[in-house]
Amino acid sequence: MRALLLAVGVGLVATACAPADQFPSEPGKGVDVGFLPSERGLTDRTAGLIDLWNGSWVAALVVGVLVWGLTIWVVVAYRRRKNDPELPVQLRYHVPLELMYTVVPILMIGTLFFFSTRVTGEFQDTAAEPDLEIEVYGKQWSWDFNYLSEDVYSSGGRIALTGEAGVEETLPTLYLPVDETVEFTLRSRDVAHSFWIPAFLYKLDILPGRVNTFQVTPQQEGTFSGKCAELCGEFHSEMLFNVAVVDRATFDDQMDQLRAAGQTGRLGEELNRRYLITDDNATEGSQD
């Protein structure tokens, strides 16, 4: 009982560890209660994932109640009675029962696999013609954003988190136009990272030497948190960025500001970290 109470207490405390702005609480922009955003239209992909998540929880609870019920029934019905020296009948084999607990889990896993694969396929579908193409470079420990369709870029440096208010305003900001399909191309400059916008309910790895892509259409304006979700070194926890979903006029104004600052073109692979390979060992070279 003590262990159970301790586990429940730890679980309740841990649920408060997420930042308050990860899922904004303003009407129409995030959660009111629950584990996932109640607003299904945050992007064009969130509704399917919410349905999968909720359906999985319902199925898991149904199976749990069934297993718990059968377990309790067996414990009660087949317990050893007082003054009864004999054991219940022992069955070495029970083919129908063995078939049931072999076939039923296979069907359950197959069903979960089917719906998970379908939702994952929707997130990874890049067949649509995007309105905007953005190339994202993850680097220790910040981000470069190339707005390929606009021929401008923004580059972030590592921000030292001090715990004081206002630091988040200095983080790199990724601007997205509302109701327009954005195609992300993800690349790494050094080690493995992961591009994660928690409010969009999707993240995708950024791996050295590999290019990953996905599309999403933000459907509600707002400011959201972004972060790296792959342990990538000493300052992984500070590899953060902001996501601003804005109207087209505001987006164009931000692009014009980047042009005025001379940030035109693309920050490409010439900035990737180089590794010098010798006969004896591999040493890290300097970044261009």
C-alpha atoms as a PDB file:
ATOM      1  CA  MET A   1       0.000   0.000   0.000  1.00  0.00           C
ATOM      2  CA  ARG A   2       2.860   2.379   0.767  1.00  0.00           C
ATOM      3  CA  ALA A   3       4.447   1.650  -2.591  1.00  0.00           C
ATOM      4  CA  LEU A   4       1.119   2.243  -4.339  1.00  0.00           C
ATOM      5  CA  LEU A   5       0.568   5.563  -2.575  1.00  0.00           C
ATOM      6  CA  LEU A   6       4.143   6.606  -3.383  1.00  0.00           C
ATOM      7  CA  ALA A   7       3.659   5.748  -7.069  1.00  0.00           C
ATOM      8  CA  VAL A   8       0.408   7.719  -7.219  1.00  0.00           C
ATOM      9  CA  GLY A   9       2.061  10.691  -5.515  1.00  0.00           C
ATOM     10  CA  VAL A  10       5.014  10.688  -7.909  1.00  0.00           C
ATOM     11  CA  GLY A  11       2.622  10.453 -10.863  1.00  0.00           C
ATOM     12  CA  LEU A  12       0.581  13.438  -9.669  1.00  0.00           C
ATOM     13  CA  VAL A  13       3.683  15.541  -9.049  1.00  0.00           C
ATOM     14  CA  ALA A  14       5.236  14.604 -12.405  1.00  0.00           C
ATOM     15  CA  THR A  15       2.146  15.713 -14.312  1.00  0.00           C
ATOM     16  CA  ALA A  16       2.902  19.285 -13.261  1.00  0.00           C
ATOM     17  CA  CYS A  17       6.353  19.306 -14.867  1.00  0.00           C
ATOM     18  CA  ALA A  18       5.273  20.409 -18.358  1.00  0.00           C
ATOM     19  CA  PRO A  19       5.629  24.145 -19.123  1.00  0.00           C
ATOM     20  CA  ALA A  20       2.398  26.096 -18.946  1.00  0.00           C
ATOM     21  CA  ASP A  21       2.685  27.389 -22.515  1.00  0.00           C
ATOM     22  CA  GLN A  22       3.276  23.971 -24.055  1.00  0.00           C
ATOM     23  CA  PHE A  23      -0.471  23.591 -24.532  1.00  0.00           C
ATOM     24  CA  PRO A  24      -1.901  27.125 -24.300  1.00  0.00           C
ATOM     25  CA  SER A  25      -5.104  27.386 -22.318  1.00  0.00           C
ATOM     26  CA  GLU A  26      -6.743  30.260 -24.157  1.00  0.00           C
ATOM     27  CA  PRO A  27     -10.165  29.364 -25.623  1.00  0.00           C
ATOM     28  CA  GLY A  28      -9.768  27.536 -28.891  1.00  0.00           C
ATOM     29  CA  LYS A  29      -6.003  27.144 -28.558  1.00  0.00           C
ATOM     30  CA  GLY A  30      -5.360  24.220 -26.273  1.00  0.00           C
ATOM     31  CA  VAL A  31      -6.484  22.181 -23.341  1.00  0.00           C
ATOM     32  CA  ASP A  32      -8.988  22.869 -20.668  1.00  0.00           C
ATOM     33  CA  VAL A  33      -8.619  19.457 -18.977  1.00  0.00           C
ATOM     34  CA  GLY A  34      -7.166  16.092 -19.927  1.00  0.00           C
ATOM     35  CA  PHE A  35      -3.933  14.734 -21.300  1.00  0.00           C
ATOM     36  CA  LEU A  36      -4.253  16.026 -24.872  1.00  0.00           C
ATOM     37  CA  PRO A  37      -5.480  19.265 -26.456  1.00  0.00           C
ATOM     38  CA  SER A  38      -9.246  19.247 -26.614  1.00  0.00           C
ATOM     39  CA  GLU A  39      -9.053  21.527 -29.645  1.00  0.00           C
ATOM     40  CA  ARG A  40      -9.016  19.045 -32.505  1.00  0.00           C
ATOM     41  CA  GLY A  41      -8.449  21.616 -35.209  1.00  0.00           C
ATOM     42  CA  LEU A  42      -5.092  23.001 -34.079  1.00  0.00           C
ATOM     43  CA  THR A  43      -3.642  21.474 -37.256  1.00  0.00           C
ATOM     44  CA  ASP A  44      -5.116  19.328 -39.987  1.00  0.00           C
ATOM     45  CA  ARG A  45      -3.445  16.241 -38.467  1.00  0.00           C
ATOM     46  CA  THR A  46      -4.190  16.499 -34.749  1.00  0.00           C
ATOM     47  CA  ALA A  47      -7.748  15.110 -34.836  1.00  0.00           C
ATOM     48  CA  GLY A  48      -6.641  11.709 -36.149  1.00  0.00           C
ATOM     49  CA  LEU A  49      -3.945  11.354 -33.497  1.00  0.00           C
ATOM     50  CA  ILE A  50      -6.338  12.361 -30.712  1.00  0.00           C
ATOM     51  CA  ASP A  51      -8.812   9.727 -31.905  1.00  0.00           C
ATOM     52  CA  LEU A  52      -6.053   7.099 -31.929  1.00  0.00           C
ATOM     53  CA  TRP A  53      -4.869   8.064 -28.459  1.00  0.00           C
ATOM     54  CA  ASN A  54      -8.322   8.138 -26.910  1.00  0.00           C
ATOM     55  CA  GLY A  55      -9.345   4.910 -28.647  1.00  0.00           C
ATOM     56  CA  SER A  56      -6.186   3.205 -27.381  1.00  0.00           C
ATOM     57  CA  TRP A  57      -6.905   4.313 -23.823  1.00  0.00           C
ATOM     58  CA  VAL A  58     -10.499   3.060 -24.012  1.00  0.00           C
ATOM     59  CA  ALA A  59      -9.377  -0.292 -25.428  1.00  0.00           C
ATOM     60  CA  ALA A  60      -6.655  -0.596 -22.784  1.00  0.00           C
ATOM     61  CA  LEU A  61      -9.128   0.143 -19.994  1.00  0.00           C
ATOM     62  CA  VAL A  62     -11.614  -2.418 -21.333  1.00  0.00           C
ATOM     63  CA  VAL A  63      -8.903  -5.088 -21.495  1.00  0.00           C
ATOM     64  CA  GLY A  64      -7.644  -4.076 -18.052  1.00  0.00           C
ATOM     65  CA  VAL A  65     -11.081  -4.325 -16.469  1.00  0.00           C
ATOM     66  CA  LEU A  66     -11.588  -7.738 -18.089  1.00  0.00           C
ATOM     67  CA  VAL A  67      -8.230  -9.065 -16.894  1.00  0.00           C
ATOM     68  CA  TRP A  68      -8.674  -7.645 -13.408  1.00  0.00           C
ATOM     69  CA  GLY A  69     -12.186  -9.085 -13.202  1.00  0.00           C
ATOM     70  CA  LEU A  70     -11.091 -12.549 -14.310  1.00  0.00           C
ATOM     71  CA  THR A  71      -8.130 -12.455 -11.945  1.00  0.00           C
ATOM     72  CA  ILE A  72     -10.293 -11.513  -8.959  1.00  0.00           C
ATOM     73  CA  TRP A  73     -12.898 -14.121  -9.925  1.00  0.00           C
ATOM     74  CA  VAL A  74     -10.263 -16.874 -10.112  1.00  0.00           C
ATOM     75  CA  VAL A  75      -8.753 -15.825  -6.784  1.00  0.00           C
ATOM     76  CA  VAL A  76     -12.163 -15.889  -5.092  1.00  0.00           C
ATOM     77  CA  ALA A  77     -13.763 -18.878  -6.837  1.00  0.00           C
ATOM     78  CA  TYR A  78     -10.765 -21.188  -6.636  1.00  0.00           C
ATOM     79  CA  ARG A  79      -9.284 -20.152  -3.326  1.00  0.00           C
ATOM     80  CA  ARG A  80      -8.502 -22.870  -0.857  1.00  0.00           C
ATOM     81  CA  ARG A  81     -11.337 -23.268   1.580  1.00  0.00           C
ATOM     82  CA  LYS A  82     -10.864 -23.556   5.294  1.00  0.00           C
ATOM     83  CA  ASN A  83     -10.397 -27.131   6.476  1.00  0.00           C
ATOM     84  CA  ASP A  84     -10.145 -28.283   2.844  1.00  0.00           C
ATOM     85  CA  PRO A  85      -6.890 -30.221   2.499  1.00  0.00           C
ATOM     86  CA  GLU A  86      -7.330 -30.991  -1.191  1.00  0.00           C
ATOM     87  CA  LEU A  87      -6.113 -28.795  -4.037  1.00  0.00           C
ATOM     88  CA  PRO A  88      -8.446 -27.880  -6.932  1.00  0.00           C
ATOM     89  CA  VAL A  89      -8.226 -30.040 -10.025  1.00  0.00           C
ATOM     90  CA  GLN A  90      -4.933 -29.325 -11.813  1.00  0.00           C
ATOM     91  CA  LEU A  91      -5.099 -29.128 -15.619  1.00  0.00           C
ATOM     92  CA  ARG A  92      -1.880 -29.635 -17.532  1.00  0.00           C
ATOM     93  CA  TYR A  93      -3.341 -28.616 -20.878  1.00  0.00           C
ATOM     94  CA  HIS A  94      -6.404 -26.677 -21.902  1.00  0.00           C
ATOM     95  CA  VAL A  95      -6.247 -26.225 -25.671  1.00  0.00           C
ATOM     96  CA  PRO A  96      -9.247 -23.848 -26.098  1.00  0.00           C
ATOM     97  CA  LEU A  97      -7.932 -21.563 -23.347  1.00  0.00           C
ATOM     98  CA  GLU A  98      -4.408 -21.579 -24.766  1.00  0.00           C
ATOM     99  CA  LEU A  99      -5.717 -20.768 -28.219  1.00  0.00           C
ATOM    100  CA  MET A 100      -7.762 -17.920 -26.797  1.00  0.00           C
ATOM    101  CA  TYR A 101      -4.885 -16.185 -24.991  1.00  0.00           C
ATOM    102  CA  THR A 102      -2.706 -16.639 -28.072  1.00  0.00           C
ATOM    103  CA  VAL A 103      -5.156 -15.486 -30.750  1.00  0.00           C
ATOM    104  CA  VAL A 104      -6.777 -12.620 -28.817  1.00  0.00           C
ATOM    105  CA  PRO A 105      -3.493 -10.720 -28.130  1.00  0.00           C
ATOM    106  CA  ILE A 106      -2.493 -11.165 -31.781  1.00  0.00           C
ATOM    107  CA  LEU A 107      -5.810  -9.638 -32.868  1.00  0.00           C
ATOM    108  CA  MET A 108      -5.394  -6.782 -30.369  1.00  0.00           C
ATOM    109  CA  ILE A 109      -1.859  -5.974 -31.516  1.00  0.00           C
ATOM    110  CA  GLY A 110      -2.909  -6.238 -35.154  1.00  0.00           C
ATOM    111  CA  THR A 111      -5.772  -3.792 -34.614  1.00  0.00           C
ATOM    112  CA  LEU A 112      -3.540  -1.302 -32.808  1.00  0.00           C
ATOM    113  CA  PHE A 113      -0.903  -1.676 -35.527  1.00  0.00           C
ATOM    114  CA  PHE A 114      -3.477  -1.006 -38.253  1.00  0.00           C
ATOM    115  CA  PHE A 115      -4.808   2.214 -36.755  1.00  0.00           C
ATOM    116  CA  SER A 116      -1.342   3.425 -35.671  1.00  0.00           C
ATOM    117  CA  THR A 117       0.063   2.856 -39.142  1.00  0.00           C
ATOM    118  CA  ARG A 118      -2.867   4.689 -40.731  1.00  0.00           C
ATOM    119  CA  VAL A 119      -2.466   7.757 -38.527  1.00  0.00           C
ATOM    120  CA  THR A 120       1.326   7.747 -38.919  1.00  0.00           C
ATOM    121  CA  GLY A 121       0.907   7.516 -42.685  1.00  0.00           C
ATOM    122  CA  GLU A 122      -1.329  10.588 -42.640  1.00  0.00           C
ATOM    123  CA  PHE A 123       1.348  12.567 -40.781  1.00  0.00           C
ATOM    124  CA  GLN A 124       4.085  11.442 -43.146  1.00  0.00           C
ATOM    125  CA  ASP A 125       2.086  11.980 -46.337  1.00  0.00           C
ATOM    126  CA  THR A 126       3.828  14.665 -48.390  1.00  0.00           C
ATOM    127  CA  ALA A 127       1.877  14.214 -51.642  1.00  0.00           C
ATOM    128  CA  ALA A 128       0.110  17.578 -51.397  1.00  0.00           C
ATOM    129  CA  GLU A 129       1.592  20.661 -53.022  1.00  0.00           C
ATOM    130  CA  PRO A 130       2.838  22.822 -50.097  1.00  0.00           C
ATOM    131  CA  ASP A 131       2.176  26.538 -49.852  1.00  0.00           C
ATOM    132  CA  LEU A 132       5.456  27.039 -48.023  1.00  0.00           C
ATOM    133  CA  GLU A 133       8.693  25.038 -47.802  1.00  0.00           C
ATOM    134  CA  ILE A 134      10.870  25.354 -44.721  1.00  0.00           C
ATOM    135  CA  GLU A 135      14.218  23.655 -44.224  1.00  0.00           C
ATOM    136  CA  VAL A 136      15.158  23.082 -40.583  1.00  0.00           C
ATOM    137  CA  TYR A 137      18.722  22.432 -39.447  1.00  0.00           C
ATOM    138  CA  GLY A 138      19.230  21.152 -35.907  1.00  0.00           C
ATOM    139  CA  LYS A 139      22.588  21.993 -34.378  1.00  0.00           C
ATOM    140  CA  GLN A 140      24.156  21.904 -30.947  1.00  0.00           C
ATOM    141  CA  TRP A 141      22.241  23.630 -29.404  1.00  0.00           C
ATOM    142  CA  SER A 142      19.910  25.723 -31.527  1.00  0.00           C
ATOM    143  CA  TRP A 143      18.177  25.891 -34.908  1.00  0.00           C
ATOM    144  CA  ASP A 144      18.526  27.329 -38.394  1.00  0.00           C
ATOM    145  CA  PHE A 145      15.324  27.960 -40.353  1.00  0.00           C
ATOM    146  CA  ASN A 146      15.523  28.361 -44.135  1.00  0.00           C
ATOM    147  CA  TYR A 147      12.297  29.709 -45.616  1.00  0.00           C
ATOM    148  CA  LEU A 148      12.990  28.242 -49.039  1.00  0.00           C
ATOM    149  CA  SER A 149       9.830  29.608 -50.652  1.00  0.00           C
ATOM    150  CA  GLU A 150      10.731  33.112 -49.477  1.00  0.00           C
ATOM    151  CA  ASP A 151      14.517  32.836 -50.047  1.00  0.00           C
ATOM    152  CA  VAL A 152      15.320  34.066 -46.533  1.00  0.00           C
ATOM    153  CA  TYR A 153      16.648  32.475 -43.370  1.00  0.00           C
ATOM    154  CA  SER A 154      16.877  32.947 -39.629  1.00  0.00           C
ATOM    155  CA  SER A 155      19.615  31.513 -37.464  1.00  0.00           C
ATOM    156  CA  GLY A 156      19.552  30.947 -33.728  1.00  0.00           C
ATOM    157  CA  GLY A 157      22.411  30.767 -31.285  1.00  0.00           C
ATOM    158  CA  ARG A 158      22.380  28.927 -27.988  1.00  0.00           C
ATOM    159  CA  ILE A 159      20.372  30.763 -25.351  1.00  0.00           C
ATOM    160  CA  ALA A 160      21.497  30.319 -21.752  1.00  0.00           C
ATOM    161  CA  LEU A 161      18.408  29.687 -19.647  1.00  0.00           C
ATOM    162  CA  THR A 162      18.610  31.641 -16.405  1.00  0.00           C
ATOM    163  CA  GLY A 163      15.201  30.921 -14.933  1.00  0.00           C
ATOM    164  CA  GLU A 164      14.294  34.588 -15.194  1.00  0.00           C
ATOM    165  CA  ALA A 165      11.236  35.865 -17.028  1.00  0.00           C
ATOM    166  CA  GLY A 166      11.744  37.081 -20.579  1.00  0.00           C
ATOM    167  CA  VAL A 167      14.404  34.595 -21.665  1.00  0.00           C
ATOM    168  CA  GLU A 168      11.885  32.729 -23.826  1.00  0.00           C
ATOM    169  CA  GLU A 169      11.362  35.913 -25.850  1.00  0.00           C
ATOM    170  CA  THR A 170      14.972  35.710 -27.053  1.00  0.00           C
ATOM    171  CA  LEU A 171      14.609  32.163 -28.392  1.00  0.00           C
ATOM    172  CA  PRO A 172      14.596  31.547 -32.164  1.00  0.00           C
ATOM    173  CA  THR A 173      11.085  31.922 -33.571  1.00  0.00           C
ATOM    174  CA  LEU A 174       9.670  29.876 -36.401  1.00  0.00           C
ATOM    175  CA  TYR A 175       6.884  31.755 -38.225  1.00  0.00           C
ATOM    176  CA  LEU A 176       4.088  29.814 -39.929  1.00  0.00           C
ATOM    177  CA  PRO A 177       1.131  31.254 -41.874  1.00  0.00           C
ATOM    178  CA  VAL A 178      -2.234  30.026 -40.656  1.00  0.00           C
ATOM    179  CA  ASP A 179      -4.331  27.790 -42.949  1.00  0.00           C
ATOM    180  CA  GLU A 180      -1.409  27.171 -45.312  1.00  0.00           C
ATOM    181  CA  THR A 181       0.287  23.816 -45.863  1.00  0.00           C
ATOM    182  CA  VAL A 182       3.906  23.834 -44.738  1.00  0.00           C
ATOM    183  CA  GLU A 183       6.430  21.196 -45.768  1.00  0.00           C
ATOM    184  CA  PHE A 184       9.330  20.748 -43.363  1.00  0.00           C
ATOM    185  CA  THR A 185      12.643  19.314 -44.489  1.00  0.00           C
ATOM    186  CA  LEU A 186      14.711  18.260 -41.482  1.00  0.00           C
ATOM    187  CA  ARG A 187      18.512  18.016 -41.473  1.00  0.00           C
ATOM    188  CA  SER A 188      21.256  17.827 -38.851  1.00  0.00           C
ATOM    189  CA  ARG A 189      24.496  19.790 -38.735  1.00  0.00           C
ATOM    190  CA  ASP A 190      26.189  17.475 -36.239  1.00  0.00           C
ATOM    191  CA  VAL A 191      24.488  14.825 -34.074  1.00  0.00           C
ATOM    192  CA  ALA A 192      21.021  13.309 -33.742  1.00  0.00           C
ATOM    193  CA  HIS A 193      18.253  15.752 -32.788  1.00  0.00           C
ATOM    194  CA  SER A 194      14.459  15.652 -32.904  1.00  0.00           C
ATOM    195  CA  PHE A 195      12.105  18.398 -34.111  1.00  0.00           C
ATOM    196  CA  TRP A 196       9.122  18.617 -31.765  1.00  0.00           C
ATOM    197  CA  ILE A 197       6.228  21.038 -31.496  1.00  0.00           C
ATOM    198  CA  PRO A 198       4.260  19.460 -28.610  1.00  0.00           C
ATOM    199  CA  ALA A 199       1.027  21.310 -29.375  1.00  0.00           C
ATOM    200  CA  PHE A 200       1.057  19.794 -32.891  1.00  0.00           C
ATOM    201  CA  LEU A 201       1.266  16.307 -31.323  1.00  0.00           C
ATOM    202  CA  TYR A 202       4.054  15.237 -33.647  1.00  0.00           C
ATOM    203  CA  LYS A 203       7.824  15.021 -33.649  1.00  0.00           C
ATOM    204  CA  LEU A 204      10.335  13.680 -36.129  1.00  0.00           C
ATOM    205  CA  ASP A 205      13.977  12.740 -35.732  1.00  0.00           C
ATOM    206  CA  ILE A 206      16.765  14.774 -37.311  1.00  0.00           C
ATOM    207  CA  LEU A 207      19.625  12.411 -38.118  1.00  0.00           C
ATOM    208  CA  PRO A 208      23.079  13.132 -39.584  1.00  0.00           C
ATOM    209  CA  GLY A 209      23.232  12.165 -43.232  1.00  0.00           C
ATOM    210  CA  ARG A 210      19.486  11.617 -43.521  1.00  0.00           C
ATOM    211  CA  VAL A 211      16.681  13.907 -44.677  1.00  0.00           C
ATOM    212  CA  ASN A 212      13.197  13.603 -43.137  1.00  0.00           C
ATOM    213  CA  THR A 213      10.121  15.480 -44.326  1.00  0.00           C
ATOM    214  CA  PHE A 214       6.555  16.019 -43.218  1.00  0.00           C
ATOM    215  CA  GLN A 215       3.688  18.394 -43.933  1.00  0.00           C
ATOM    216  CA  VAL A 216       1.251  20.131 -41.645  1.00  0.00           C
ATOM    217  CA  THR A 217      -1.380  22.856 -41.977  1.00  0.00           C
ATOM    218  CA  PRO A 218      -1.717  25.038 -38.841  1.00  0.00           C
ATOM    219  CA  GLN A 219      -5.364  26.025 -38.461  1.00  0.00           C
ATOM    220  CA  GLN A 220      -5.284  28.284 -35.406  1.00  0.00           C
ATOM    221  CA  GLU A 221      -3.154  31.331 -34.666  1.00  0.00           C
ATOM    222  CA  GLY A 222      -1.073  31.372 -31.517  1.00  0.00           C
ATOM    223  CA  THR A 223       2.391  31.042 -30.032  1.00  0.00           C
ATOM    224  CA  PHE A 224       3.621  27.589 -29.090  1.00  0.00           C
ATOM    225  CA  SER A 225       6.740  25.962 -27.695  1.00  0.00           C
ATOM    226  CA  GLY A 226       9.195  23.918 -29.741  1.00  0.00           C
ATOM    227  CA  LYS A 227      12.112  21.846 -28.557  1.00  0.00           C
ATOM    228  CA  CYS A 228      14.595  19.106 -29.311  1.00  0.00           C
ATOM    229  CA  ALA A 229      13.299  15.721 -28.149  1.00  0.00           C
ATOM    230  CA  GLU A 230      16.529  13.743 -28.572  1.00  0.00           C
ATOM    231  CA  LEU A 231      19.356  13.846 -26.027  1.00  0.00           C
ATOM    232  CA  CYS A 232      22.056  15.611 -28.034  1.00  0.00           C
ATOM    233  CA  GLY A 233      24.670  16.753 -25.572  1.00  0.00           C
ATOM    234  CA  GLU A 234      25.366  18.978 -22.596  1.00  0.00           C
ATOM    235  CA  PHE A 235      22.873  21.749 -23.367  1.00  0.00           C
ATOM    236  CA  HIS A 236      20.108  19.626 -24.908  1.00  0.00           C
ATOM    237  CA  SER A 237      17.569  21.019 -22.432  1.00  0.00           C
ATOM    238  CA  GLU A 238      18.219  24.553 -23.742  1.00  0.00           C
ATOM    239  CA  MET A 239      17.652  23.689 -27.413  1.00  0.00           C
ATOM    240  CA  LEU A 240      14.306  25.470 -27.543  1.00  0.00           C
ATOM    241  CA  PHE A 241      12.428  27.630 -30.018  1.00  0.00           C
ATOM    242  CA  ASN A 242       9.111  29.433 -30.377  1.00  0.00           C
ATOM    243  CA  VAL A 243       6.484  28.755 -33.023  1.00  0.00           C
ATOM    244  CA  ALA A 244       4.301  31.688 -34.077  1.00  0.00           C
ATOM    245  CA  VAL A 245       1.280  30.820 -36.210  1.00  0.00           C
ATOM    246  CA  VAL A 246       0.199  34.149 -37.713  1.00  0.00           C
ATOM    247  CA  ASP A 247      -1.905  35.569 -40.510  1.00  0.00           C
ATOM    248  CA  ARG A 248      -0.361  35.955 -43.972  1.00  0.00           C
ATOM    249  CA  ALA A 249       0.185  39.720 -43.619  1.00  0.00           C
ATOM    250  CA  THR A 250       2.147  39.279 -40.390  1.00  0.00           C
ATOM    251  CA  PHE A 251       4.121  36.424 -41.910  1.00  0.00           C
ATOM    252  CA  ASP A 252       5.043  38.531 -44.957  1.00  0.00           C
ATOM    253  CA  ASP A 253       6.111  41.362 -42.677  1.00  0.00           C
ATOM    254  CA  GLN A 254       8.464  39.012 -40.794  1.00  0.00           C
ATOM    255  CA  MET A 255       9.950  37.785 -44.077  1.00  0.00           C
ATOM    256  CA  ASP A 256      10.494  41.410 -45.167  1.00  0.00           C
ATOM    257  CA  GLN A 257      12.313  42.082 -41.896  1.00  0.00           C
ATOM    258  CA  LEU A 258      14.678  39.182 -42.593  1.00  0.00           C
ATOM    259  CA  ARG A 259      15.365  40.543 -46.087  1.00  0.00           C
ATOM    260  CA  ALA A 260      16.006  44.012 -44.697  1.00  0.00           C
ATOM    261  CA  ALA A 261      18.507  42.485 -42.271  1.00  0.00           C
ATOM    262  CA  GLY A 262      20.363  40.902 -45.188  1.00  0.00           C
ATOM    263  CA  GLN A 263      19.344  37.370 -44.283  1.00  0.00           C
ATOM    264  CA  THR A 264      18.608  36.251 -47.815  1.00  0.00           C
ATOM    265  CA  GLY A 265      19.444  32.924 -49.390  1.00  0.00           C
ATOM    266  CA  ARG A 266      19.961  29.669 -47.530  1.00  0.00           C
ATOM    267  CA  LEU A 267      22.202  28.400 -44.750  1.00  0.00           C
ATOM    268  CA  GLY A 268      23.224  25.057 -46.199  1.00  0.00           C
ATOM    269  CA  GLU A 269      25.562  22.154 -45.598  1.00  0.00           C
ATOM    270  CA  GLU A 270      28.623  24.396 -45.714  1.00  0.00           C
ATOM    271  CA  LEU A 271      27.943  25.088 -42.018  1.00  0.00           C
ATOM    272  CA  ASN A 272      27.791  21.428 -41.034  1.00  0.00           C
ATOM    273  CA  ARG A 273      30.279  20.210 -38.485  1.00  0.00           C
ATOM    274  CA  ARG A 274      33.235  18.455 -40.076  1.00  0.00           C
ATOM    275  CA  TYR A 275      34.919  15.341 -38.727  1.00  0.00           C
ATOM    276  CA  LEU A 276      38.565  14.597 -39.466  1.00  0.00           C
ATOM    277  CA  ILE A 277      39.246  10.868 -39.853  1.00  0.00           C
ATOM    278  CA  THR A 278      42.792   9.687 -39.152  1.00  0.00           C
ATOM    279  CA  ASP A 279      44.378   6.265 -39.103  1.00  0.00           C
ATOM    280  CA  ASP A 280      44.375   6.155 -35.310  1.00  0.00           C
ATOM    281  CA  ASN A 281      41.120   7.806 -34.308  1.00  0.00           C
ATOM    282  CA  ALA A 282      38.347  10.184 -35.339  1.00  0.00           C
ATOM    283  CA  THR A 283      38.586  13.731 -34.088  1.00  0.00           C
ATOM    284  CA  GLU A 284      36.050  16.488 -34.312  1.00  0.00           C
ATOM    285  CA  GLY A 285      36.991  19.318 -36.624  1.00  0.00           C
ATOM    286  CA  SER A 286      35.968  22.940 -36.399  1.00  0.00           C
ATOM    287  CA  GLN A 287      32.628  24.167 -37.694  1.00  0.00           C
ATOM    288  CA  ASP A 288      32.846  26.410 -40.791  1.00  0.00           C
END
